[in-house]
Amino acid sequence: LQDRLLAFARVADELYGHYLDSTVGFLANERMIEESQRRPLAGVPPGVNRDALSFYYGNGDPNDPKSRVLHRTTQGAYRVRNAKGGANHVRASQLLLVLLYEYWESEHRSKVAMALGVDRDALKVPFIGDLRLLRQDVIHHQGVVRPETVEKLAVLGGFTQNAAIALSGEQVEDLIVGL
């Protein structure tokens, strides 16, 4: 049993490491765009709103007509989505919730149940049940907590009905420690 639980704990730790790496990277992206906006830009007169200028990811030299634009946004939107609490941080926390539940359900629940000598469906872990409810709202309700989810949460609290599932770094840390 201990080995089975430790295996899931290792997966949770790897997923948390991914979340931490991602959020640190998002902040580095924000700093990078802010620093680039402070430098003079050839062909752009002083006073131009740099947030309104394009930012894009592409494949190949941007001056080559054969290159391909893969994603386009504005520098301002890029900066805001990478800022602490921005859309990238929100999505990273939602992804962590979804992946924690999915790894438990698809890989570890059966093994833990077998080690306990119980049927897989008889193994109920309230914390994981809360992850299941939040996962459903991330996937099927555009990341918004439904009122019935708030009512059913057994362990995890602090969610407001009809509000976005947007965990802060501290809330994610609490979630992992609680797990």
C-alpha atoms as a PDB file:
ATOM      1  CA  LEU A   1       0.000   0.000   0.000  1.00  0.00           C
ATOM      2  CA  GLN A   2       2.754   2.402   0.953  1.00  0.00           C
ATOM      3  CA  ASP A   3       4.515   1.853  -2.391  1.00  0.00           C
ATOM      4  CA  ARG A   4       1.259   2.525  -4.280  1.00  0.00           C
ATOM      5  CA  LEU A   5       0.624   5.734  -2.371  1.00  0.00           C
ATOM      6  CA  LEU A   6       4.225   6.860  -2.790  1.00  0.00           C
ATOM      7  CA  ALA A   7       3.947   6.274  -6.541  1.00  0.00           C
ATOM      8  CA  PHE A   8       0.982   8.640  -6.687  1.00  0.00           C
ATOM      9  CA  ALA A   9       2.799  11.135  -4.450  1.00  0.00           C
ATOM     10  CA  ARG A  10       5.713  11.108  -6.922  1.00  0.00           C
ATOM     11  CA  VAL A  11       3.347  11.850  -9.806  1.00  0.00           C
ATOM     12  CA  ALA A  12       1.769  14.683  -7.805  1.00  0.00           C
ATOM     13  CA  ASP A  13       5.226  16.082  -7.077  1.00  0.00           C
ATOM     14  CA  GLU A  14       6.179  15.929 -10.775  1.00  0.00           C
ATOM     15  CA  LEU A  15       2.960  17.704 -11.738  1.00  0.00           C
ATOM     16  CA  TYR A  16       3.579  20.347  -9.089  1.00  0.00           C
ATOM     17  CA  GLY A  17       7.113  20.816 -10.406  1.00  0.00           C
ATOM     18  CA  HIS A  18       5.647  21.346 -13.871  1.00  0.00           C
ATOM     19  CA  TYR A  19       3.239  23.924 -12.475  1.00  0.00           C
ATOM     20  CA  LEU A  20       6.054  25.747 -10.660  1.00  0.00           C
ATOM     21  CA  ASP A  21       8.339  25.699 -13.716  1.00  0.00           C
ATOM     22  CA  SER A  22       5.506  27.019 -15.855  1.00  0.00           C
ATOM     23  CA  THR A  23       4.550  29.865 -13.553  1.00  0.00           C
ATOM     24  CA  VAL A  24       8.184  30.954 -13.141  1.00  0.00           C
ATOM     25  CA  GLY A  25       8.464  30.889 -16.945  1.00  0.00           C
ATOM     26  CA  PHE A  26       5.333  33.000 -17.310  1.00  0.00           C
ATOM     27  CA  LEU A  27       6.831  35.650 -15.032  1.00  0.00           C
ATOM     28  CA  ALA A  28      10.058  35.560 -17.046  1.00  0.00           C
ATOM     29  CA  ASN A  29       7.988  36.117 -20.206  1.00  0.00           C
ATOM     30  CA  GLU A  30       6.324  39.117 -18.588  1.00  0.00           C
ATOM     31  CA  ARG A  31       9.705  40.590 -17.590  1.00  0.00           C
ATOM     32  CA  MET A  32      11.106  39.942 -21.067  1.00  0.00           C
ATOM     33  CA  ILE A  33       8.312  41.846 -22.804  1.00  0.00           C
ATOM     34  CA  GLU A  34       8.483  44.712 -20.286  1.00  0.00           C
ATOM     35  CA  GLU A  35      12.246  45.019 -20.803  1.00  0.00           C
ATOM     36  CA  SER A  36      11.903  44.920 -24.580  1.00  0.00           C
ATOM     37  CA  GLN A  37       9.253  47.640 -24.427  1.00  0.00           C
ATOM     38  CA  ARG A  38      11.669  49.948 -22.574  1.00  0.00           C
ATOM     39  CA  ARG A  39      14.268  49.723 -25.353  1.00  0.00           C
ATOM     40  CA  PRO A  40      14.033  51.934 -28.445  1.00  0.00           C
ATOM     41  CA  LEU A  41      12.598  50.136 -31.456  1.00  0.00           C
ATOM     42  CA  ALA A  42      13.690  51.010 -34.987  1.00  0.00           C
ATOM     43  CA  GLY A  43      10.893  52.536 -37.021  1.00  0.00           C
ATOM     44  CA  VAL A  44       8.627  53.087 -34.014  1.00  0.00           C
ATOM     45  CA  PRO A  45       8.370  56.698 -32.886  1.00  0.00           C
ATOM     46  CA  PRO A  46       8.643  57.476 -29.154  1.00  0.00           C
ATOM     47  CA  GLY A  47       5.305  57.581 -27.353  1.00  0.00           C
ATOM     48  CA  VAL A  48       3.703  54.787 -29.389  1.00  0.00           C
ATOM     49  CA  ASN A  49       1.676  52.421 -27.219  1.00  0.00           C
ATOM     50  CA  ARG A  50       3.914  49.359 -27.319  1.00  0.00           C
ATOM     51  CA  ASP A  51       1.169  47.231 -25.762  1.00  0.00           C
ATOM     52  CA  ALA A  52      -0.802  47.636 -29.004  1.00  0.00           C
ATOM     53  CA  LEU A  53       2.039  46.284 -31.156  1.00  0.00           C
ATOM     54  CA  SER A  54       1.935  42.716 -32.409  1.00  0.00           C
ATOM     55  CA  PHE A  55       3.588  39.808 -30.699  1.00  0.00           C
ATOM     56  CA  TYR A  56       3.646  36.483 -32.433  1.00  0.00           C
ATOM     57  CA  TYR A  57       5.126  33.040 -32.455  1.00  0.00           C
ATOM     58  CA  GLY A  58       6.137  31.681 -35.801  1.00  0.00           C
ATOM     59  CA  ASN A  59       8.099  29.099 -37.648  1.00  0.00           C
ATOM     60  CA  GLY A  60      11.021  30.544 -39.599  1.00  0.00           C
ATOM     61  CA  ASP A  61      12.438  34.000 -40.231  1.00  0.00           C
ATOM     62  CA  PRO A  62       9.649  36.599 -39.909  1.00  0.00           C
ATOM     63  CA  ASN A  63      11.018  38.353 -43.019  1.00  0.00           C
ATOM     64  CA  ASP A  64      10.770  35.195 -45.115  1.00  0.00           C
ATOM     65  CA  PRO A  65       7.423  34.873 -46.937  1.00  0.00           C
ATOM     66  CA  LYS A  66       7.642  31.100 -46.472  1.00  0.00           C
ATOM     67  CA  SER A  67       7.595  31.430 -42.690  1.00  0.00           C
ATOM     68  CA  ARG A  68       4.401  30.690 -40.857  1.00  0.00           C
ATOM     69  CA  VAL A  69       2.721  32.665 -38.067  1.00  0.00           C
ATOM     70  CA  LEU A  70       1.525  30.156 -35.466  1.00  0.00           C
ATOM     71  CA  HIS A  71       0.003  32.523 -32.905  1.00  0.00           C
ATOM     72  CA  ARG A  72      -0.533  36.275 -32.899  1.00  0.00           C
ATOM     73  CA  THR A  73      -1.536  38.612 -30.095  1.00  0.00           C
ATOM     74  CA  THR A  74      -0.557  42.057 -28.863  1.00  0.00           C
ATOM     75  CA  GLN A  75       2.394  42.758 -26.609  1.00  0.00           C
ATOM     76  CA  GLY A  76      -0.032  44.000 -23.963  1.00  0.00           C
ATOM     77  CA  ALA A  77      -2.174  40.861 -24.066  1.00  0.00           C
ATOM     78  CA  TYR A  78       0.977  38.722 -23.931  1.00  0.00           C
ATOM     79  CA  ARG A  79       2.252  40.658 -20.913  1.00  0.00           C
ATOM     80  CA  VAL A  80      -1.098  40.471 -19.080  1.00  0.00           C
ATOM     81  CA  ARG A  81      -1.658  36.739 -19.637  1.00  0.00           C
ATOM     82  CA  ASN A  82       1.842  35.981 -18.313  1.00  0.00           C
ATOM     83  CA  ALA A  83       1.557  38.288 -15.264  1.00  0.00           C
ATOM     84  CA  LYS A  84       1.000  36.775 -11.824  1.00  0.00           C
ATOM     85  CA  GLY A  85      -2.665  35.788 -11.673  1.00  0.00           C
ATOM     86  CA  GLY A  86      -3.022  36.149 -15.449  1.00  0.00           C
ATOM     87  CA  ALA A  87      -4.715  33.697 -17.767  1.00  0.00           C
ATOM     88  CA  ASN A  88      -1.630  31.473 -18.074  1.00  0.00           C
ATOM     89  CA  HIS A  89      -1.389  31.098 -14.290  1.00  0.00           C
ATOM     90  CA  VAL A  90      -5.113  30.341 -14.089  1.00  0.00           C
ATOM     91  CA  ARG A  91      -4.879  27.702 -16.821  1.00  0.00           C
ATOM     92  CA  ALA A  92      -1.788  26.135 -15.211  1.00  0.00           C
ATOM     93  CA  SER A  93      -3.658  25.700 -11.907  1.00  0.00           C
ATOM     94  CA  GLN A  94      -6.681  24.266 -13.717  1.00  0.00           C
ATOM     95  CA  LEU A  95      -4.464  21.892 -15.650  1.00  0.00           C
ATOM     96  CA  LEU A  96      -2.873  20.739 -12.398  1.00  0.00           C
ATOM     97  CA  LEU A  97      -6.312  19.937 -10.921  1.00  0.00           C
ATOM     98  CA  VAL A  98      -7.321  18.000 -14.025  1.00  0.00           C
ATOM     99  CA  LEU A  99      -4.076  16.047 -14.262  1.00  0.00           C
ATOM    100  CA  LEU A 100      -3.957  15.162 -10.563  1.00  0.00           C
ATOM    101  CA  TYR A 101      -7.428  13.672 -10.797  1.00  0.00           C
ATOM    102  CA  GLU A 102      -6.816  11.921 -14.116  1.00  0.00           C
ATOM    103  CA  TYR A 103      -3.586  10.264 -12.960  1.00  0.00           C
ATOM    104  CA  TRP A 104      -5.315   9.080  -9.790  1.00  0.00           C
ATOM    105  CA  GLU A 105      -8.368   7.775 -11.616  1.00  0.00           C
ATOM    106  CA  SER A 106      -6.673   6.161 -14.595  1.00  0.00           C
ATOM    107  CA  GLU A 107      -3.496   4.794 -13.016  1.00  0.00           C
ATOM    108  CA  HIS A 108      -3.360   4.804  -9.231  1.00  0.00           C
ATOM    109  CA  ARG A 109      -6.860   4.242  -7.831  1.00  0.00           C
ATOM    110  CA  SER A 110      -7.047   0.596  -8.952  1.00  0.00           C
ATOM    111  CA  LYS A 111      -3.589  -0.190  -7.588  1.00  0.00           C
ATOM    112  CA  VAL A 112      -4.320   1.388  -4.206  1.00  0.00           C
ATOM    113  CA  ALA A 113      -7.679  -0.407  -4.027  1.00  0.00           C
ATOM    114  CA  MET A 114      -5.996  -3.716  -4.842  1.00  0.00           C
ATOM    115  CA  ALA A 115      -3.382  -3.118  -2.129  1.00  0.00           C
ATOM    116  CA  LEU A 116      -6.209  -2.430   0.332  1.00  0.00           C
ATOM    117  CA  GLY A 117      -8.129  -5.513  -0.820  1.00  0.00           C
ATOM    118  CA  VAL A 118     -11.227  -3.520  -1.810  1.00  0.00           C
ATOM    119  CA  ASP A 119     -13.098  -2.998  -5.027  1.00  0.00           C
ATOM    120  CA  ARG A 120     -11.877  -0.014  -7.033  1.00  0.00           C
ATOM    121  CA  ASP A 121     -15.326   1.619  -6.971  1.00  0.00           C
ATOM    122  CA  ALA A 122     -15.507   1.181  -3.199  1.00  0.00           C
ATOM    123  CA  LEU A 123     -12.354   3.276  -2.726  1.00  0.00           C
ATOM    124  CA  LYS A 124     -13.593   6.794  -2.003  1.00  0.00           C
ATOM    125  CA  VAL A 125     -11.166   9.560  -1.086  1.00  0.00           C
ATOM    126  CA  PRO A 126     -13.022  12.822  -0.341  1.00  0.00           C
ATOM    127  CA  PHE A 127     -10.062  14.986  -1.391  1.00  0.00           C
ATOM    128  CA  ILE A 128      -9.901  13.228  -4.770  1.00  0.00           C
ATOM    129  CA  GLY A 129     -13.686  13.438  -5.056  1.00  0.00           C
ATOM    130  CA  ASP A 130     -13.357  17.219  -4.756  1.00  0.00           C
ATOM    131  CA  LEU A 131     -10.728  17.180  -7.504  1.00  0.00           C
ATOM    132  CA  ARG A 132     -13.202  15.235  -9.658  1.00  0.00           C
ATOM    133  CA  LEU A 133     -15.877  17.893  -9.178  1.00  0.00           C
ATOM    134  CA  LEU A 134     -13.474  20.721  -9.967  1.00  0.00           C
ATOM    135  CA  ARG A 135     -12.142  18.824 -12.994  1.00  0.00           C
ATOM    136  CA  GLN A 136     -15.689  18.540 -14.332  1.00  0.00           C
ATOM    137  CA  ASP A 137     -16.141  22.295 -13.995  1.00  0.00           C
ATOM    138  CA  VAL A 138     -12.801  23.025 -15.666  1.00  0.00           C
ATOM    139  CA  ILE A 139     -13.542  20.742 -18.611  1.00  0.00           C
ATOM    140  CA  HIS A 140     -17.313  21.040 -19.004  1.00  0.00           C
ATOM    141  CA  HIS A 141     -18.110  24.511 -17.625  1.00  0.00           C
ATOM    142  CA  GLN A 142     -15.259  26.627 -18.976  1.00  0.00           C
ATOM    143  CA  GLY A 143     -13.451  26.666 -15.633  1.00  0.00           C
ATOM    144  CA  VAL A 144     -16.376  28.185 -13.730  1.00  0.00           C
ATOM    145  CA  VAL A 145     -17.488  26.650 -10.429  1.00  0.00           C
ATOM    146  CA  ARG A 146     -21.114  25.569 -10.554  1.00  0.00           C
ATOM    147  CA  PRO A 147     -23.285  26.166  -7.453  1.00  0.00           C
ATOM    148  CA  GLU A 148     -23.803  22.404  -7.034  1.00  0.00           C
ATOM    149  CA  THR A 149     -20.034  21.906  -6.987  1.00  0.00           C
ATOM    150  CA  VAL A 150     -19.618  24.359  -4.111  1.00  0.00           C
ATOM    151  CA  GLU A 151     -22.332  22.484  -2.187  1.00  0.00           C
ATOM    152  CA  LYS A 152     -20.716  19.070  -2.777  1.00  0.00           C
ATOM    153  CA  LEU A 153     -17.082  19.916  -1.977  1.00  0.00           C
ATOM    154  CA  ALA A 154     -16.150  17.877   1.093  1.00  0.00           C
ATOM    155  CA  VAL A 155     -12.553  18.944   1.771  1.00  0.00           C
ATOM    156  CA  LEU A 156     -11.498  21.735  -0.544  1.00  0.00           C
ATOM    157  CA  GLY A 157     -12.983  25.103   0.259  1.00  0.00           C
ATOM    158  CA  GLY A 158     -12.711  28.716  -0.775  1.00  0.00           C
ATOM    159  CA  PHE A 159     -14.512  28.344  -4.087  1.00  0.00           C
ATOM    160  CA  THR A 160     -17.287  30.759  -5.004  1.00  0.00           C
ATOM    161  CA  GLN A 161     -20.180  29.630  -7.130  1.00  0.00           C
ATOM    162  CA  ASN A 162     -20.221  30.989 -10.679  1.00  0.00           C
ATOM    163  CA  ALA A 163     -16.635  32.248 -10.294  1.00  0.00           C
ATOM    164  CA  ALA A 164     -13.576  31.149 -12.213  1.00  0.00           C
ATOM    165  CA  ILE A 165     -11.443  28.352 -10.831  1.00  0.00           C
ATOM    166  CA  ALA A 166      -8.335  30.501 -10.503  1.00  0.00           C
ATOM    167  CA  LEU A 167      -6.027  29.212  -7.798  1.00  0.00           C
ATOM    168  CA  SER A 168      -3.244  31.457  -6.564  1.00  0.00           C
ATOM    169  CA  GLY A 169       0.229  30.024  -6.112  1.00  0.00           C
ATOM    170  CA  GLU A 170      -0.439  29.834  -2.375  1.00  0.00           C
ATOM    171  CA  GLN A 171      -3.693  27.938  -2.949  1.00  0.00           C
ATOM    172  CA  VAL A 172      -1.923  25.481  -5.243  1.00  0.00           C
ATOM    173  CA  GLU A 173       0.752  24.986  -2.582  1.00  0.00           C
ATOM    174  CA  ASP A 174      -1.975  24.314   0.022  1.00  0.00           C
ATOM    175  CA  LEU A 175      -3.625  21.874  -2.366  1.00  0.00           C
ATOM    176  CA  ILE A 176      -0.421  19.900  -2.850  1.00  0.00           C
ATOM    177  CA  VAL A 177       0.399  19.901   0.874  1.00  0.00           C
ATOM    178  CA  GLY A 178      -3.176  18.744   1.583  1.00  0.00           C
ATOM    179  CA  LEU A 179      -2.863  15.959  -0.948  1.00  0.00           C
END
